[in-house]
Protein backbone atom coordinates (compact mmCIF):
# COMPACT_ATOMS: atom_id res chain seq x y z
CA MET A 1 -57.91 -95.01 -33.94
CA GLY A 2 -58.77 -94.16 -37.54
CA ASP A 3 -56.18 -94.15 -40.32
CA ASP A 4 -56.41 -90.36 -40.69
CA ALA A 5 -54.77 -89.94 -37.27
CA SER A 6 -51.35 -90.33 -38.91
CA LEU A 7 -51.90 -87.44 -41.28
CA PRO A 8 -50.06 -84.12 -40.74
CA GLY A 9 -51.90 -81.97 -38.25
CA ALA A 10 -53.58 -84.88 -36.49
CA GLY A 11 -51.57 -84.38 -33.30
CA VAL A 12 -51.92 -86.27 -30.07
CA GLY A 13 -52.30 -83.17 -27.94
CA PHE A 14 -48.69 -82.90 -26.78
CA SER A 15 -48.58 -80.06 -24.28
CA HIS A 16 -45.29 -80.53 -22.44
CA VAL A 17 -43.13 -78.18 -24.52
CA PRO A 18 -45.01 -74.87 -24.72
CA ALA A 19 -43.28 -72.21 -26.80
CA PRO A 20 -42.94 -68.69 -25.42
CA ALA A 21 -45.13 -66.03 -26.96
CA ARG A 22 -43.64 -64.88 -30.24
CA GLU A 23 -43.21 -61.29 -29.06
CA ASP A 24 -41.02 -62.54 -26.20
CA ARG A 25 -38.34 -63.89 -28.50
CA PRO A 26 -36.66 -63.01 -31.81
CA VAL A 27 -38.11 -63.87 -35.21
CA SER A 28 -36.23 -67.15 -35.13
CA ARG A 29 -33.90 -69.04 -32.84
CA GLY A 30 -31.02 -71.20 -33.98
CA ARG A 31 -28.85 -73.76 -32.23
CA PHE A 32 -25.79 -75.99 -32.40
CA ALA A 33 -26.13 -79.40 -30.72
CA PRO A 34 -22.89 -81.40 -30.64
CA SER A 35 -22.36 -84.75 -28.95
CA PRO A 36 -19.66 -84.38 -26.26
CA THR A 37 -17.66 -87.42 -27.34
CA GLY A 38 -14.35 -85.66 -28.00
CA ARG A 39 -12.87 -82.57 -29.62
CA LEU A 40 -14.81 -81.01 -32.48
CA HIS A 41 -13.16 -81.49 -35.86
CA VAL A 42 -13.20 -79.04 -38.75
CA GLY A 43 -16.41 -80.54 -40.16
CA ASN A 44 -18.21 -79.96 -36.86
CA LEU A 45 -16.72 -76.48 -36.57
CA ARG A 46 -17.81 -75.61 -40.09
CA THR A 47 -21.40 -76.61 -39.29
CA ALA A 48 -21.27 -74.60 -36.05
CA ILE A 49 -20.07 -71.50 -37.92
CA ALA A 50 -22.82 -71.92 -40.51
CA ALA A 51 -25.52 -72.33 -37.84
CA TRP A 52 -24.22 -69.25 -36.00
CA LEU A 53 -24.18 -67.18 -39.19
CA PHE A 54 -27.74 -68.20 -40.10
CA ALA A 55 -29.00 -67.17 -36.67
CA ARG A 56 -26.98 -64.02 -36.04
CA SER A 57 -27.48 -62.64 -39.55
CA ALA A 58 -31.24 -62.81 -38.87
CA GLY A 59 -30.85 -61.04 -35.51
CA SER A 60 -31.76 -64.26 -33.75
CA GLU A 61 -30.74 -65.97 -30.56
CA PHE A 62 -28.26 -68.83 -30.82
CA LEU A 63 -28.38 -71.76 -28.38
CA LEU A 64 -25.89 -74.46 -27.43
CA ARG A 65 -27.19 -77.91 -26.48
CA PHE A 66 -25.18 -81.04 -25.68
CA GLU A 67 -26.54 -84.36 -26.95
CA ASP A 68 -25.13 -86.45 -24.12
CA LEU A 69 -27.61 -89.28 -23.73
CA ASP A 70 -25.15 -92.08 -24.51
CA PRO A 71 -23.34 -92.77 -21.23
CA GLY A 72 -20.73 -94.89 -23.01
CA THR A 73 -19.26 -91.99 -25.00
CA ALA A 74 -20.46 -88.62 -23.64
CA ARG A 75 -18.16 -86.89 -21.16
CA ARG A 76 -18.41 -83.59 -19.26
CA GLU A 77 -14.76 -82.84 -19.96
CA HIS A 78 -15.52 -83.02 -23.68
CA GLU A 79 -18.22 -80.38 -23.19
CA ASP A 80 -15.61 -78.03 -21.76
CA ASP A 81 -13.27 -78.70 -24.67
CA GLN A 82 -16.04 -78.08 -27.19
CA ARG A 83 -17.04 -74.82 -25.51
CA ARG A 84 -13.45 -73.64 -25.63
CA ASP A 85 -13.13 -74.53 -29.31
CA LEU A 86 -16.27 -72.58 -30.18
CA GLU A 87 -15.15 -69.59 -28.12
CA MET A 88 -11.71 -69.66 -29.75
CA LEU A 89 -13.41 -69.33 -33.12
CA GLY A 90 -15.38 -66.29 -31.92
CA LEU A 91 -18.75 -68.02 -31.60
CA ASP A 92 -21.06 -67.03 -28.76
CA TRP A 93 -24.45 -68.26 -27.59
CA ASP A 94 -27.40 -67.09 -25.55
CA GLY A 95 -28.29 -68.44 -22.14
CA VAL A 96 -26.86 -71.47 -20.39
CA PRO A 97 -26.12 -74.54 -22.55
CA VAL A 98 -28.45 -77.43 -21.79
CA ARG A 99 -27.84 -81.17 -21.67
CA GLN A 100 -30.20 -83.83 -22.92
CA SER A 101 -29.34 -86.00 -19.92
CA GLU A 102 -31.09 -83.41 -17.74
CA ARG A 103 -34.25 -83.38 -19.85
CA ILE A 104 -35.33 -87.04 -19.69
CA GLU A 105 -38.74 -86.17 -18.22
CA ARG A 106 -39.63 -84.23 -21.37
CA TYR A 107 -38.85 -87.22 -23.58
CA GLU A 108 -40.81 -89.59 -21.36
CA ASP A 109 -43.79 -87.23 -21.47
CA ALA A 110 -43.70 -87.28 -25.27
CA LEU A 111 -43.42 -91.06 -25.30
CA ALA A 112 -46.36 -91.35 -22.90
CA ASP A 113 -48.52 -89.22 -25.21
CA LEU A 114 -47.66 -91.40 -28.20
CA VAL A 115 -48.29 -94.60 -26.25
CA ARG A 116 -51.69 -93.35 -25.05
CA ALA A 117 -52.60 -92.49 -28.64
CA GLY A 118 -51.81 -96.05 -29.77
CA ARG A 119 -48.88 -94.86 -31.88
CA THR A 120 -46.25 -97.26 -30.56
CA TYR A 121 -45.37 -100.92 -30.22
CA ARG A 122 -42.58 -102.88 -28.59
CA CYS A 123 -39.79 -104.40 -30.68
CA TRP A 124 -37.41 -107.19 -29.61
CA CYS A 125 -35.56 -107.48 -32.93
CA SER A 126 -31.81 -107.84 -33.03
CA ARG A 127 -29.76 -106.01 -35.63
CA ARG A 128 -29.12 -109.30 -37.39
CA GLU A 129 -32.84 -110.09 -37.60
CA ILE A 130 -33.56 -106.62 -38.99
CA ARG A 131 -30.71 -106.86 -41.47
CA GLU A 132 -31.82 -110.25 -42.77
CA ALA A 133 -35.51 -109.31 -43.01
CA ALA A 134 -34.72 -105.94 -44.58
CA SER A 135 -33.07 -107.71 -47.50
CA ALA A 136 -36.49 -108.85 -48.74
CA PRO A 137 -37.37 -107.25 -52.10
CA HIS A 138 -40.57 -105.59 -50.80
CA VAL A 139 -38.77 -103.71 -48.00
CA PRO A 140 -37.41 -100.24 -48.92
CA SER A 141 -33.69 -99.87 -48.35
CA GLY A 142 -32.85 -98.89 -44.78
CA HIS A 143 -36.41 -99.35 -43.50
CA TYR A 144 -37.52 -101.47 -40.56
CA PRO A 145 -39.39 -104.45 -42.04
CA GLY A 146 -42.11 -104.55 -39.36
CA ILE A 147 -41.21 -107.88 -37.77
CA CYS A 148 -42.66 -107.05 -34.34
CA ARG A 149 -45.54 -104.90 -35.52
CA HIS A 150 -48.12 -107.69 -35.80
CA LEU A 151 -47.03 -110.16 -33.14
CA THR A 152 -49.66 -112.41 -31.63
CA ALA A 153 -50.27 -112.47 -27.89
CA ARG A 154 -48.37 -115.77 -27.70
CA GLN A 155 -45.39 -114.35 -29.60
CA ILE A 156 -45.33 -111.30 -27.32
CA ALA A 157 -45.44 -113.53 -24.24
CA ASP A 158 -42.54 -115.61 -25.57
CA ARG A 159 -40.45 -112.48 -26.16
CA GLU A 160 -41.31 -111.10 -22.73
CA ALA A 161 -40.24 -114.39 -21.18
CA SER A 162 -36.84 -114.10 -22.85
CA GLY A 163 -35.98 -111.23 -20.52
CA LYS A 164 -34.63 -109.12 -23.37
CA PRO A 165 -35.78 -105.50 -22.94
CA PRO A 166 -37.68 -104.23 -26.00
CA ALA A 167 -37.21 -101.04 -27.92
CA LEU A 168 -40.24 -98.84 -28.51
CA ARG A 169 -41.14 -98.06 -32.12
CA LEU A 170 -43.49 -95.55 -33.72
CA ARG A 171 -46.39 -97.05 -35.66
CA THR A 172 -46.31 -94.89 -38.79
CA ASP A 173 -48.32 -96.63 -41.53
CA ALA A 174 -45.50 -95.53 -43.89
CA PRO A 175 -46.56 -91.96 -44.65
CA ASP A 176 -44.89 -90.16 -47.54
CA ILE A 177 -43.67 -86.94 -45.93
CA GLU A 178 -42.21 -83.92 -47.71
CA ILE A 179 -40.15 -81.16 -46.15
CA VAL A 180 -38.71 -78.09 -47.84
CA ASP A 181 -35.08 -77.46 -47.04
CA ARG A 182 -33.76 -73.92 -47.34
CA LEU A 183 -30.72 -75.09 -49.29
CA HIS A 184 -31.84 -78.31 -50.99
CA GLY A 185 -35.47 -77.48 -51.73
CA PRO A 186 -38.24 -80.11 -51.49
CA HIS A 187 -37.21 -83.47 -50.07
CA ARG A 188 -39.58 -86.41 -49.70
CA GLU A 189 -39.17 -89.73 -47.87
CA VAL A 190 -41.40 -92.61 -46.79
CA VAL A 191 -41.24 -92.73 -42.99
CA ASP A 192 -40.85 -96.18 -41.48
CA ASP A 193 -41.46 -97.44 -37.93
CA LEU A 194 -38.55 -95.64 -36.31
CA VAL A 195 -37.22 -96.37 -32.83
CA LEU A 196 -38.38 -93.91 -30.15
CA ARG A 197 -36.66 -95.54 -27.18
CA ARG A 198 -33.82 -98.02 -27.39
CA GLY A 199 -33.80 -101.38 -25.66
CA ASP A 200 -31.44 -99.99 -23.03
CA GLY A 201 -34.06 -97.39 -22.09
CA ILE A 202 -32.34 -94.40 -23.72
CA PRO A 203 -34.69 -92.16 -25.76
CA ALA A 204 -33.67 -92.21 -29.42
CA TYR A 205 -32.24 -89.24 -31.30
CA ASN A 206 -35.16 -88.90 -33.71
CA LEU A 207 -37.52 -88.26 -30.79
CA VAL A 208 -35.32 -86.15 -28.53
CA VAL A 209 -34.22 -83.73 -31.25
CA VAL A 210 -37.86 -82.92 -31.99
CA VAL A 211 -38.77 -82.52 -28.32
CA ASP A 212 -35.70 -80.38 -27.62
CA ASP A 213 -36.08 -78.05 -30.58
CA ALA A 214 -39.76 -77.56 -29.81
CA ALA A 215 -39.10 -76.99 -26.11
CA GLN A 216 -36.44 -74.40 -26.91
CA SER A 217 -38.57 -72.68 -29.56
CA VAL A 218 -35.99 -73.32 -32.27
CA GLU A 219 -37.54 -72.15 -35.51
CA GLU A 220 -34.60 -72.78 -37.85
CA VAL A 221 -32.51 -75.94 -37.61
CA VAL A 222 -29.13 -75.68 -39.35
CA ARG A 223 -27.14 -78.91 -39.35
CA ALA A 224 -25.09 -81.20 -41.61
CA ASP A 225 -26.83 -82.71 -44.62
CA ASP A 226 -26.24 -86.30 -43.55
CA LEU A 227 -29.42 -85.73 -41.53
CA LEU A 228 -31.47 -84.52 -44.48
CA SER A 229 -32.90 -88.01 -45.14
CA SER A 230 -34.04 -88.25 -41.49
CA THR A 231 -35.83 -84.91 -41.52
CA PRO A 232 -39.17 -86.24 -42.88
CA ARG A 233 -39.18 -88.52 -39.82
CA HIS A 234 -38.78 -85.48 -37.61
CA ALA A 235 -41.48 -83.60 -39.51
CA HIS A 236 -43.85 -86.53 -38.99
CA LEU A 237 -43.17 -86.52 -35.25
CA TYR A 238 -43.78 -82.77 -35.07
CA ASP A 239 -47.14 -83.35 -36.73
CA LEU A 240 -48.12 -86.26 -34.47
CA LEU A 241 -47.17 -84.34 -31.33
CA GLY A 242 -49.13 -81.29 -32.45
CA LEU A 243 -46.00 -79.13 -32.63
CA PRO A 244 -45.14 -76.54 -35.29
CA ARG A 245 -42.41 -77.65 -37.67
CA PRO A 246 -39.27 -75.51 -37.80
CA SER A 247 -37.54 -74.66 -41.03
CA TRP A 248 -34.43 -76.62 -41.99
CA ALA A 249 -31.15 -75.84 -43.71
CA HIS A 250 -28.76 -78.74 -44.20
CA VAL A 251 -25.23 -77.63 -44.97
CA PRO A 252 -22.86 -79.93 -46.88
CA LEU A 253 -20.47 -82.28 -45.18
CA VAL A 254 -16.69 -82.12 -45.19
CA LEU A 255 -15.34 -85.28 -46.81
CA ALA A 256 -11.92 -86.89 -46.74
CA PRO A 257 -10.19 -87.88 -50.00
CA ASP A 258 -11.45 -91.45 -49.55
CA GLY A 259 -15.01 -90.12 -49.89
CA GLU A 260 -15.87 -90.81 -46.27
CA ARG A 261 -17.09 -88.18 -43.85
CA LEU A 262 -14.09 -86.36 -42.40
CA ALA A 263 -13.12 -87.78 -39.00
CA LYS A 264 -10.27 -87.57 -36.53
CA ARG A 265 -8.70 -90.69 -38.02
CA HIS A 266 -7.95 -88.67 -41.16
CA GLY A 267 -5.25 -86.57 -39.50
CA SER A 268 -4.84 -83.11 -37.99
CA VAL A 269 -8.48 -82.04 -38.06
CA THR A 270 -9.16 -80.58 -34.60
CA LEU A 271 -8.53 -76.99 -33.55
CA PRO A 272 -5.66 -77.98 -31.20
CA ASP A 273 -4.15 -79.95 -34.09
CA ARG A 274 -4.23 -76.87 -36.30
CA GLU A 275 -2.90 -74.61 -33.56
CA ALA A 276 0.03 -77.01 -33.10
CA LEU A 277 0.77 -76.44 -36.79
CA GLU A 278 0.61 -72.66 -36.20
CA ASP A 279 -2.78 -72.14 -37.83
CA SER A 280 -4.55 -69.36 -35.93
CA PRO A 281 -8.27 -69.53 -35.08
CA GLY A 282 -8.83 -66.61 -37.46
CA ARG A 283 -7.21 -68.57 -40.27
CA VAL A 284 -9.39 -71.59 -39.52
CA VAL A 285 -12.51 -69.42 -39.66
CA ALA A 286 -11.41 -67.82 -42.93
CA VAL A 287 -10.90 -71.17 -44.64
CA LEU A 288 -14.12 -72.71 -43.32
CA THR A 289 -16.32 -69.74 -44.21
CA ALA A 290 -14.76 -69.52 -47.68
CA SER A 291 -15.43 -73.25 -48.15
CA LEU A 292 -19.12 -72.58 -47.52
CA GLY A 293 -19.15 -70.21 -50.49
CA LEU A 294 -18.75 -66.86 -48.75
CA ASP A 295 -16.54 -64.15 -50.18
CA VAL A 296 -13.63 -64.14 -47.73
CA PRO A 297 -10.51 -62.57 -49.30
CA GLU A 298 -8.87 -62.00 -45.91
CA ARG A 299 -6.36 -64.50 -44.59
CA GLU A 300 -7.82 -64.29 -41.08
CA VAL A 301 -11.36 -63.38 -39.98
CA MET A 302 -13.77 -63.97 -37.11
CA PRO A 303 -17.44 -64.88 -37.68
CA HIS A 304 -18.57 -61.35 -36.71
CA ASP A 305 -16.42 -60.03 -39.57
CA VAL A 306 -18.45 -61.83 -42.23
CA LEU A 307 -21.96 -61.31 -40.86
CA ASP A 308 -22.72 -58.39 -43.16
CA ARG A 309 -21.69 -60.37 -46.22
CA PHE A 310 -23.49 -63.61 -45.30
CA SER A 311 -26.42 -64.88 -47.35
CA ALA A 312 -27.89 -68.36 -47.38
CA ASP A 313 -28.02 -68.13 -51.18
CA GLN A 314 -24.22 -68.26 -51.21
CA ILE A 315 -23.97 -71.63 -49.49
CA VAL A 316 -22.47 -74.30 -51.74
CA VAL A 317 -24.55 -77.46 -51.47
CA ALA A 318 -21.87 -79.85 -52.74
CA PRO A 319 -19.64 -81.60 -50.18
CA TRP A 320 -16.24 -80.08 -49.52
CA THR A 321 -13.39 -82.57 -49.88
CA LEU A 322 -10.36 -81.88 -47.74
CA SER A 323 -7.14 -83.74 -47.12
CA PRO A 324 -5.56 -82.84 -43.78
CA ASP A 325 -2.16 -83.60 -45.33
CA GLU A 326 -2.76 -80.73 -47.74
CA LEU A 327 -4.01 -78.25 -45.15
CA ARG A 328 -0.79 -76.27 -45.17
CA ASP A 329 -1.38 -75.44 -48.83
CA ARG A 330 -5.13 -74.93 -48.47
CA TRP A 331 -4.94 -72.97 -45.26
């Protein structure tokens, strides 16, 4: 296959995720896609509120999707807890929530298209091998160094004989891909040979998020900005699969005082935690929407109450630092 096949627009004819006709759906469709690994914390809830406001303020549908492909951490009971948390905050969604674990055939279809187009290769590398090879001065930080990309037939046979199941990687030829984020503006990254399917057979996030959003006709992806650097990868996959790119808006993270992403280990950060401290759902919504940059003078609000005053231009793009120990003063 010629080198120009990796350029944007040179798709592989992916036809397994047809979008409905535009007149059959709203101008755009948004979504929130949590992993059901436990209760949502205030950082997750803040992103969910932002995604809901982006969609509903545009008169769009809003979808809920559970990213439950990891059998070691995803639990159905966590889905129920997360639904309840979202409902308590006044968030609603359209249709029945879907689970990635019930959509494996779609991901395998996409992988089959990429394999047929010669876009993939098998990789037996361990994390240690990748880490050591990636320290070479010619390898960009965080990129796969291409160890398994040019294996000889003998080397492949030796790895097959080891019995270790390989991952499947995308052969990218390191394209320089630019996306335009609604909040951050242009963002450009060199795309490396990312994993499409893990060695344990589970389709990788970078593939499934593209397949899912295309299949569900999501036209605006609102999520936390720790995924901004991965978005050129997703844009490249959209192009290769012949799918239209959505627009993106990456909202800032909530950080703990130690500078790390806020997590449950930092204290009383889940909705039940706050309710135990007598913080009402309306108070939680008021604080989180105000932290995004919205004008929220009320002590308690629901998301519907701030729809008419929401504008993406108001979103603060700097991270919000929050100490759970100080929540009584802040909230």
